[in-house]
């Protein structure tokens, strides 16, 4: 039971943390300044 609880806690902490981190960078690099996104993509 302790092992299952540890797995749930870890998966829950990784899911919410990864979603917000991968969501803002995508719209932020393509919505705000398209020039910056092109330069970063080229590099």
PDB file of N, CA and C in Angstrom:
ATOM      1  N   UNK A   1       0.854  -1.206   0.000  1.00  0.00           N
ATOM      2  CA  UNK A   1       0.000   0.000   0.000  1.00  0.00           C
ATOM      3  C   UNK A   1       0.890   1.257   0.000  1.00  0.00           C
ATOM      4  N   UNK A   2       1.972   1.186   0.701  1.00  0.00           N
ATOM      5  CA  UNK A   2       2.877   2.366   0.764  1.00  0.00           C
ATOM      6  C   UNK A   2       3.524   2.575  -0.618  1.00  0.00           C
ATOM      7  N   UNK A   3       3.820   1.491  -1.282  1.00  0.00           N
ATOM      8  CA  UNK A   3       4.472   1.619  -2.609  1.00  0.00           C
ATOM      9  C   UNK A   3       3.486   2.250  -3.607  1.00  0.00           C
ATOM     10  N   UNK A   4       2.272   1.829  -3.559  1.00  0.00           N
ATOM     11  CA  UNK A   4       1.267   2.378  -4.505  1.00  0.00           C
ATOM     12  C   UNK A   4       1.079   3.887  -4.233  1.00  0.00           C
ATOM     13  N   UNK A   5       1.073   4.234  -2.995  1.00  0.00           N
ATOM     14  CA  UNK A   5       0.848   5.666  -2.620  1.00  0.00           C
ATOM     15  C   UNK A   5       2.061   6.479  -3.126  1.00  0.00           C
ATOM     16  N   UNK A   6       3.206   5.936  -3.045  1.00  0.00           N
ATOM     17  CA  UNK A   6       4.432   6.675  -3.453  1.00  0.00           C
ATOM     18  C   UNK A   6       4.392   6.872  -4.988  1.00  0.00           C
ATOM     19  N   UNK A   7       3.947   5.861  -5.677  1.00  0.00           N
ATOM     20  CA  UNK A   7       3.892   5.936  -7.146  1.00  0.00           C
ATOM     21  C   UNK A   7       2.855   6.993  -7.567  1.00  0.00           C
ATOM     22  N   UNK A   8       1.739   6.989  -6.874  1.00  0.00           N
ATOM     23  CA  UNK A   8       0.660   7.942  -7.225  1.00  0.00           C
ATOM     24  C   UNK A   8       1.146   9.369  -6.961  1.00  0.00           C
ATOM     25  N   UNK A   9       1.801   9.549  -5.846  1.00  0.00           N
ATOM     26  CA  UNK A   9       2.290  10.896  -5.478  1.00  0.00           C
ATOM     27  C   UNK A   9       3.323  11.368  -6.507  1.00  0.00           C
ATOM     28  N   UNK A  10       4.131  10.503  -6.949  1.00  0.00           N
ATOM     29  CA  UNK A  10       5.208  10.899  -7.897  1.00  0.00           C
ATOM     30  C   UNK A  10       4.579  11.178  -9.268  1.00  0.00           C
ATOM     31  N   UNK A  11       3.703  10.353  -9.701  1.00  0.00           N
ATOM     32  CA  UNK A  11       3.074  10.541 -11.032  1.00  0.00           C
ATOM     33  C   UNK A  11       2.224  11.823 -11.021  1.00  0.00           C
ATOM     34  N   UNK A  12       1.572  12.056  -9.917  1.00  0.00           N
ATOM     35  CA  UNK A  12       0.694  13.256  -9.827  1.00  0.00           C
ATOM     36  C   UNK A  12       1.573  14.522  -9.832  1.00  0.00           C
ATOM     37  N   UNK A  13       2.710  14.431  -9.214  1.00  0.00           N
ATOM     38  CA  UNK A  13       3.599  15.625  -9.113  1.00  0.00           C
ATOM     39  C   UNK A  13       4.280  15.859 -10.474  1.00  0.00           C
ATOM     40  N   UNK A  14       4.527  14.814 -11.208  1.00  0.00           N
ATOM     41  CA  UNK A  14       5.226  14.963 -12.504  1.00  0.00           C
ATOM     42  C   UNK A  14       4.227  15.410 -13.594  1.00  0.00           C
ATOM     43  N   UNK A  15       3.040  14.922 -13.538  1.00  0.00           N
ATOM     44  CA  UNK A  15       2.040  15.249 -14.587  1.00  0.00           C
ATOM     45  C   UNK A  15       1.711  16.755 -14.586  1.00  0.00           C
ATOM     46  N   UNK A  16       1.359  17.306 -13.456  1.00  0.00           N
ATOM     47  CA  UNK A  16       0.990  18.731 -13.394  1.00  0.00           C
ATOM     48  C   UNK A  16       2.204  19.636 -13.622  1.00  0.00           C
ATOM     49  N   UNK A  17       3.327  19.190 -13.263  1.00  0.00           N
ATOM     50  CA  UNK A  17       4.551  20.046 -13.382  1.00  0.00           C
ATOM     51  C   UNK A  17       5.005  20.021 -14.855  1.00  0.00           C
ATOM     52  N   UNK A  18       4.876  18.964 -15.515  1.00  0.00           N
ATOM     53  CA  UNK A  18       5.365  18.856 -16.907  1.00  0.00           C
ATOM     54  C   UNK A  18       4.357  19.564 -17.842  1.00  0.00           C
ATOM     55  N   UNK A  19       3.111  19.470 -17.544  1.00  0.00           N
ATOM     56  CA  UNK A  19       2.081  20.076 -18.436  1.00  0.00           C
ATOM     57  C   UNK A  19       2.250  21.615 -18.491  1.00  0.00           C
ATOM     58  N   UNK A  20       2.306  22.272 -17.377  1.00  0.00           N
ATOM     59  CA  UNK A  20       2.428  23.736 -17.346  1.00  0.00           C
ATOM     60  C   UNK A  20       3.779  24.204 -17.901  1.00  0.00           C
ATOM     61  N   UNK A  21       4.766  23.375 -17.791  1.00  0.00           N
ATOM     62  CA  UNK A  21       6.116  23.775 -18.245  1.00  0.00           C
ATOM     63  C   UNK A  21       6.204  23.622 -19.771  1.00  0.00           C
ATOM     64  N   UNK A  22       5.477  22.692 -20.328  1.00  0.00           N
ATOM     65  CA  UNK A  22       5.552  22.463 -21.782  1.00  0.00           C
ATOM     66  C   UNK A  22       4.439  23.237 -22.494  1.00  0.00           C
ATOM     67  N   UNK A  23       3.543  23.801 -21.748  1.00  0.00           N
ATOM     68  CA  UNK A  23       2.423  24.533 -22.386  1.00  0.00           C
ATOM     69  C   UNK A  23       2.766  26.016 -22.605  1.00  0.00           C
ATOM     70  N   UNK A  24       3.363  26.675 -21.638  1.00  0.00           N
ATOM     71  CA  UNK A  24       3.690  28.102 -21.770  1.00  0.00           C
ATOM     72  C   UNK A  24       4.794  28.364 -22.803  1.00  0.00           C
ATOM     73  N   UNK A  25       5.796  27.534 -22.890  1.00  0.00           N
ATOM     74  CA  UNK A  25       6.905  27.766 -23.820  1.00  0.00           C
ATOM     75  C   UNK A  25       6.433  27.684 -25.271  1.00  0.00           C
ATOM     76  N   UNK A  26       5.490  26.809 -25.558  1.00  0.00           N
ATOM     77  CA  UNK A  26       5.036  26.640 -26.956  1.00  0.00           C
ATOM     78  C   UNK A  26       4.273  27.894 -27.441  1.00  0.00           C
ATOM     79  N   UNK A  27       3.243  28.294 -26.745  1.00  0.00           N
ATOM     80  CA  UNK A  27       2.445  29.464 -27.149  1.00  0.00           C
ATOM     81  C   UNK A  27       3.216  30.768 -26.944  1.00  0.00           C
ATOM     82  N   UNK A  28       4.149  30.750 -26.069  1.00  0.00           N
ATOM     83  CA  UNK A  28       4.921  31.983 -25.759  1.00  0.00           C
ATOM     84  C   UNK A  28       5.958  32.243 -26.870  1.00  0.00           C
ATOM     85  N   UNK A  29       6.451  31.210 -27.498  1.00  0.00           N
ATOM     86  CA  UNK A  29       7.492  31.378 -28.525  1.00  0.00           C
ATOM     87  C   UNK A  29       6.837  31.567 -29.904  1.00  0.00           C
ATOM     88  N   UNK A  30       5.590  31.213 -30.013  1.00  0.00           N
ATOM     89  CA  UNK A  30       4.913  31.336 -31.323  1.00  0.00           C
ATOM     90  C   UNK A  30       3.869  32.446 -31.309  1.00  0.00           C
ATOM     91  N   UNK A  31       3.503  32.914 -30.126  1.00  0.00           N
ATOM     92  CA  UNK A  31       2.443  33.941 -30.050  1.00  0.00           C
ATOM     93  C   UNK A  31       3.062  35.331 -29.885  1.00  0.00           C
ATOM     94  N   UNK A  32       3.898  35.547 -28.905  1.00  0.00           N
ATOM     95  CA  UNK A  32       4.498  36.860 -28.638  1.00  0.00           C
ATOM     96  C   UNK A  32       5.336  37.362 -29.815  1.00  0.00           C
ATOM     97  N   UNK A  33       6.562  36.903 -29.905  1.00  0.00           N
ATOM     98  CA  UNK A  33       7.424  37.410 -31.000  1.00  0.00           C
ATOM     99  C   UNK A  33       7.827  36.269 -31.937  1.00  0.00           C
ATOM    100  N   UNK A  34       7.381  36.282 -33.178  1.00  0.00           N
ATOM    101  CA  UNK A  34       7.717  35.229 -34.142  1.00  0.00           C
ATOM    102  C   UNK A  34       9.182  35.306 -34.554  1.00  0.00           C
ATOM    103  N   UNK A  35       9.773  36.465 -34.427  1.00  0.00           N
ATOM    104  CA  UNK A  35      11.195  36.639 -34.786  1.00  0.00           C
ATOM    105  C   UNK A  35      12.082  35.870 -33.813  1.00  0.00           C
ATOM    106  N   UNK A  36      11.729  35.920 -32.547  1.00  0.00           N
ATOM    107  CA  UNK A  36      12.567  35.228 -31.550  1.00  0.00           C
ATOM    108  C   UNK A  36      12.464  33.711 -31.755  1.00  0.00           C
ATOM    109  N   UNK A  37      11.292  33.247 -32.111  1.00  0.00           N
ATOM    110  CA  UNK A  37      11.071  31.800 -32.283  1.00  0.00           C
ATOM    111  C   UNK A  37      11.880  31.319 -33.498  1.00  0.00           C
ATOM    112  N   UNK A  38      11.963  32.151 -34.515  1.00  0.00           N
ATOM    113  CA  UNK A  38      12.689  31.771 -35.737  1.00  0.00           C
ATOM    114  C   UNK A  38      14.195  31.723 -35.439  1.00  0.00           C
ATOM    115  N   UNK A  39      14.675  32.664 -34.682  1.00  0.00           N
ATOM    116  CA  UNK A  39      16.110  32.717 -34.349  1.00  0.00           C
ATOM    117  C   UNK A  39      16.482  31.528 -33.483  1.00  0.00           C
ATOM    118  N   UNK A  40      15.627  31.218 -32.534  1.00  0.00           N
ATOM    119  CA  UNK A  40      15.952  30.094 -31.632  1.00  0.00           C
ATOM    120  C   UNK A  40      15.896  28.780 -32.417  1.00  0.00           C
ATOM    121  N   UNK A  41      14.992  28.696 -33.365  1.00  0.00           N
ATOM    122  CA  UNK A  41      14.820  27.460 -34.145  1.00  0.00           C
ATOM    123  C   UNK A  41      16.040  27.286 -35.073  1.00  0.00           C
ATOM    124  N   UNK A  42      16.531  28.384 -35.572  1.00  0.00           N
ATOM    125  CA  UNK A  42      17.685  28.327 -36.487  1.00  0.00           C
ATOM    126  C   UNK A  42      18.922  27.853 -35.727  1.00  0.00           C
ATOM    127  N   UNK A  43      19.045  28.341 -34.527  1.00  0.00           N
ATOM    128  CA  UNK A  43      20.227  27.986 -33.720  1.00  0.00           C
ATOM    129  C   UNK A  43      20.057  26.554 -33.292  1.00  0.00           C
TER     130      UNK A  43
END
